[in-house]
């Protein structure tokens, strides 16, 4: 007799098993800066990942998965519907620290002019979703990313990302880092607070699953 296979029912929105659906935490927030999330393939099915929740909560965002992005010039280009309020082309900014160890040899990031950040609607924030090692590999593999001006976060607080190991208190999740960058570019974090509060709920949900696994509960969601 052939065994009956168990197929997990998957949520079509968050792409997670329905038993671990995170759609309850999706919190759409208004934002002026367009966001392009480049996600490492190993992060797609990571239950601790925050990029999908971020994407579903930012109406002006795109999420693309890969390690080498042959279509990166198109992703960084503008369509008539994706231009700034003044009609000018978007300025792409890479959310990444500008330090020697995070820069491939021989490459040089673009430089910002004094007034480049004055109009948030003219900006596109490019975010790499992956561990530091994975994101650095993505940076090395895509020379066009190396040429983008960089945005480094300023005065960030401790992360609430308690479900993933960090080497420093200021190492943030993709969602937290992007919200911090948007607050920096848009002049305040107020509009993003509902999403950050929802993120705390997402983290608590994941920690609850971990505690259930530790107790051997049969109710633990099947990832």
Protein backbone atom coordinates (compact mmCIF):
# COMPACT_ATOMS: atom_id res chain seq x y z
CA UNK A 1 0.00 0.00 0.00
CA UNK A 2 1.43 3.37 -1.03
CA UNK A 3 1.81 5.77 1.93
CA UNK A 4 -0.32 8.90 1.76
CA UNK A 5 1.97 11.92 1.36
CA UNK A 6 1.45 14.87 3.67
CA UNK A 7 1.42 18.10 1.71
CA UNK A 8 1.61 21.33 3.62
CA UNK A 9 -1.01 23.93 2.82
CA UNK A 10 0.79 27.17 1.98
CA UNK A 11 -0.49 30.71 2.35
CA UNK A 12 -0.48 32.33 -1.07
CA UNK A 13 0.38 35.76 0.36
CA UNK A 14 3.24 35.18 2.80
CA UNK A 15 4.27 31.86 1.17
CA UNK A 16 4.55 30.11 4.52
CA UNK A 17 2.75 27.01 5.72
CA UNK A 18 -0.74 28.01 6.84
CA UNK A 19 0.08 26.77 10.32
CA UNK A 20 2.82 29.41 10.48
CA UNK A 21 1.17 32.17 8.43
CA UNK A 22 2.40 35.68 9.25
CA UNK A 23 -0.28 37.65 7.39
CA UNK A 24 -1.78 38.81 10.67
CA UNK A 25 1.33 40.96 11.10
CA UNK A 26 1.21 42.57 7.67
CA UNK A 27 0.80 46.30 8.38
CA UNK A 28 0.71 48.56 5.31
CA UNK A 29 2.39 51.90 5.99
CA UNK A 30 2.81 54.97 3.82
CA UNK A 31 6.33 55.69 2.63
CA UNK A 32 7.83 58.14 0.15
CA UNK A 33 11.03 56.27 -0.72
CA UNK A 34 10.69 53.35 -3.11
CA UNK A 35 12.25 50.12 -1.81
CA UNK A 36 13.89 47.34 -3.83
CA UNK A 37 14.64 44.22 -1.77
CA UNK A 38 17.18 41.81 -3.26
CA UNK A 39 16.80 38.55 -1.36
CA UNK A 40 19.37 35.77 -1.21
CA UNK A 41 17.77 32.44 -2.26
CA UNK A 42 18.62 30.79 1.07
CA UNK A 43 16.44 33.37 2.86
CA UNK A 44 13.24 32.53 0.97
CA UNK A 45 12.13 29.65 3.20
CA UNK A 46 13.83 30.84 6.38
CA UNK A 47 11.02 31.09 8.98
CA UNK A 48 12.98 33.77 10.83
CA UNK A 49 13.27 36.02 7.78
CA UNK A 50 11.57 39.43 7.85
CA UNK A 51 11.85 40.49 4.19
CA UNK A 52 8.50 39.06 3.09
CA UNK A 53 6.68 40.79 5.94
CA UNK A 54 8.49 44.01 5.02
CA UNK A 55 7.55 43.71 1.35
CA UNK A 56 3.89 43.00 2.07
CA UNK A 57 3.77 46.03 4.38
CA UNK A 58 5.43 48.52 2.02
CA UNK A 59 3.14 49.28 -0.96
CA UNK A 60 6.01 50.91 -2.84
CA UNK A 61 8.37 47.96 -2.69
CA UNK A 62 9.59 45.12 -4.88
CA UNK A 63 11.08 41.81 -3.72
CA UNK A 64 13.38 39.95 -6.12
CA UNK A 65 15.21 36.72 -5.26
CA UNK A 66 18.65 35.78 -6.56
CA UNK A 67 22.38 35.98 -6.02
CA UNK A 68 23.50 37.26 -9.42
CA UNK A 69 20.97 39.71 -10.90
CA UNK A 70 21.41 39.86 -14.66
CA UNK A 71 18.40 42.16 -14.87
CA UNK A 72 19.75 44.59 -12.28
CA UNK A 73 19.99 47.49 -14.79
CA UNK A 74 16.26 47.11 -15.44
CA UNK A 75 15.47 46.85 -11.73
CA UNK A 76 17.34 50.09 -11.10
CA UNK A 77 15.78 51.91 -14.05
CA UNK A 78 12.58 53.93 -14.01
CA UNK A 79 9.29 53.42 -15.69
CA UNK A 80 7.09 56.52 -16.17
CA UNK A 81 5.08 55.43 -13.12
CA UNK A 82 8.14 55.13 -10.88
CA UNK A 83 9.63 58.60 -11.05
CA UNK A 84 9.94 61.22 -8.36
CA UNK A 85 7.27 63.82 -7.72
CA UNK A 86 9.20 66.24 -9.92
CA UNK A 87 9.30 63.72 -12.77
CA UNK A 88 13.05 63.21 -12.39
CA UNK A 89 14.73 59.83 -12.44
CA UNK A 90 15.09 57.92 -9.21
CA UNK A 91 18.38 58.01 -7.34
CA UNK A 92 19.38 54.52 -6.21
CA UNK A 93 20.91 54.19 -2.75
CA UNK A 94 22.39 50.96 -1.40
CA UNK A 95 21.68 50.33 2.27
CA UNK A 96 25.11 49.06 3.25
CA UNK A 97 27.98 50.27 5.47
CA UNK A 98 30.74 52.06 3.58
CA UNK A 99 33.74 50.43 5.23
CA UNK A 100 36.87 48.88 3.65
CA UNK A 101 35.91 45.31 4.62
CA UNK A 102 32.53 45.77 2.92
CA UNK A 103 33.96 47.03 -0.37
CA UNK A 104 35.34 44.77 -3.12
CA UNK A 105 38.92 45.72 -4.10
CA UNK A 106 39.12 48.25 -6.91
CA UNK A 107 35.47 49.31 -6.68
CA UNK A 108 34.26 52.72 -5.60
CA UNK A 109 30.73 53.64 -4.48
CA UNK A 110 29.07 56.64 -6.09
CA UNK A 111 29.04 59.92 -4.23
CA UNK A 112 26.02 61.93 -3.14
CA UNK A 113 25.56 65.63 -3.88
CA UNK A 114 24.46 67.88 -0.99
CA UNK A 115 20.88 68.13 -2.25
CA UNK A 116 20.42 64.52 -3.42
CA UNK A 117 18.43 63.53 -0.34
CA UNK A 118 16.12 66.54 -0.20
CA UNK A 119 13.24 64.90 -2.10
CA UNK A 120 12.38 61.44 -0.66
CA UNK A 121 10.09 60.66 -3.59
CA UNK A 122 13.11 60.78 -5.88
CA UNK A 123 14.90 58.00 -3.97
CA UNK A 124 15.01 54.24 -4.37
CA UNK A 125 16.49 52.30 -1.45
CA UNK A 126 18.18 49.03 -2.44
CA UNK A 127 18.25 46.49 0.39
CA UNK A 128 20.19 43.20 0.46
CA UNK A 129 18.36 40.53 2.43
CA UNK A 130 20.73 37.91 3.82
CA UNK A 131 23.36 37.34 6.46
CA UNK A 132 26.40 39.62 6.32
CA UNK A 133 28.36 36.90 4.54
CA UNK A 134 25.59 36.28 2.00
CA UNK A 135 24.99 39.98 1.37
CA UNK A 136 28.71 40.60 0.85
CA UNK A 137 28.77 37.74 -1.66
CA UNK A 138 25.83 39.37 -3.48
CA UNK A 139 27.73 42.67 -3.51
CA UNK A 140 30.83 41.04 -5.00
CA UNK A 141 28.75 39.19 -7.61
CA UNK A 142 26.95 42.31 -8.87
CA UNK A 143 29.38 45.08 -9.87
CA UNK A 144 26.54 47.52 -10.51
CA UNK A 145 25.64 47.39 -6.81
CA UNK A 146 29.22 48.35 -5.97
CA UNK A 147 28.81 51.59 -7.94
CA UNK A 148 25.74 52.81 -6.05
CA UNK A 149 25.97 55.54 -3.42
CA UNK A 150 25.62 54.02 0.01
CA UNK A 151 23.42 54.89 2.92
CA UNK A 152 24.80 54.05 6.35
CA UNK A 153 22.43 54.00 9.32
CA UNK A 154 22.89 56.56 12.05
CA UNK A 155 22.10 56.29 15.76
CA UNK A 156 20.22 52.99 15.59
CA UNK A 157 19.04 51.43 18.82
CA UNK A 158 19.23 47.82 19.92
CA UNK A 159 17.52 45.30 17.70
CA UNK A 160 14.29 43.56 18.73
CA UNK A 161 15.22 40.63 16.48
CA UNK A 162 15.56 38.12 19.32
CA UNK A 163 15.06 35.02 17.16
CA UNK A 164 18.34 35.30 15.27
CA UNK A 165 21.86 35.46 16.64
CA UNK A 166 23.63 38.80 16.28
CA UNK A 167 27.26 39.62 17.00
CA UNK A 168 26.48 43.21 18.01
CA UNK A 169 23.41 44.87 19.60
CA UNK A 170 23.07 47.23 16.63
CA UNK A 171 22.80 44.45 14.04
CA UNK A 172 19.24 44.75 12.78
CA UNK A 173 16.85 42.56 10.85
CA UNK A 174 16.13 43.49 7.24
CA UNK A 175 12.80 44.95 8.31
CA UNK A 176 14.28 47.01 11.16
CA UNK A 177 17.19 48.27 9.05
CA UNK A 178 14.90 49.32 6.22
CA UNK A 179 12.54 51.12 8.59
CA UNK A 180 15.52 52.91 10.15
CA UNK A 181 16.72 53.94 6.70
CA UNK A 182 13.28 55.18 5.68
CA UNK A 183 13.00 57.18 8.90
CA UNK A 184 16.42 58.70 8.19
CA UNK A 185 15.48 59.64 4.62
CA UNK A 186 11.92 60.77 5.31
CA UNK A 187 12.51 62.80 8.44
CA UNK A 188 11.08 60.60 11.14
CA UNK A 189 9.98 57.13 12.20
CA UNK A 190 6.43 58.07 13.23
CA UNK A 191 4.59 56.58 10.23
CA UNK A 192 6.61 53.36 10.55
CA UNK A 193 5.83 52.67 14.21
CA UNK A 194 2.77 50.44 13.48
CA UNK A 195 4.96 48.18 11.34
CA UNK A 196 7.70 48.03 13.98
CA UNK A 197 5.08 47.12 16.59
CA UNK A 198 3.76 44.40 14.29
CA UNK A 199 7.33 43.14 13.87
CA UNK A 200 7.53 42.67 17.64
CA UNK A 201 4.42 40.50 17.36
CA UNK A 202 6.02 38.48 14.55
CA UNK A 203 9.13 37.92 16.67
CA UNK A 204 7.00 36.83 19.64
CA UNK A 205 5.13 34.38 17.39
CA UNK A 206 8.41 32.82 16.18
CA UNK A 207 9.75 32.60 19.73
CA UNK A 208 6.55 30.85 20.76
CA UNK A 209 7.11 28.22 18.06
CA UNK A 210 10.66 27.75 19.29
CA UNK A 211 9.46 27.26 22.86
CA UNK A 212 6.93 24.70 21.67
CA UNK A 213 9.65 22.79 19.85
CA UNK A 214 11.77 22.85 22.97
CA UNK A 215 8.88 21.37 24.95
CA UNK A 216 8.28 18.69 22.34
CA UNK A 217 4.77 19.91 21.61
CA UNK A 218 2.91 18.24 18.78
CA UNK A 219 1.36 21.62 17.96
CA UNK A 220 4.64 23.01 16.62
CA UNK A 221 4.09 24.32 13.07
CA UNK A 222 5.70 22.28 10.32
CA UNK A 223 8.21 24.49 8.50
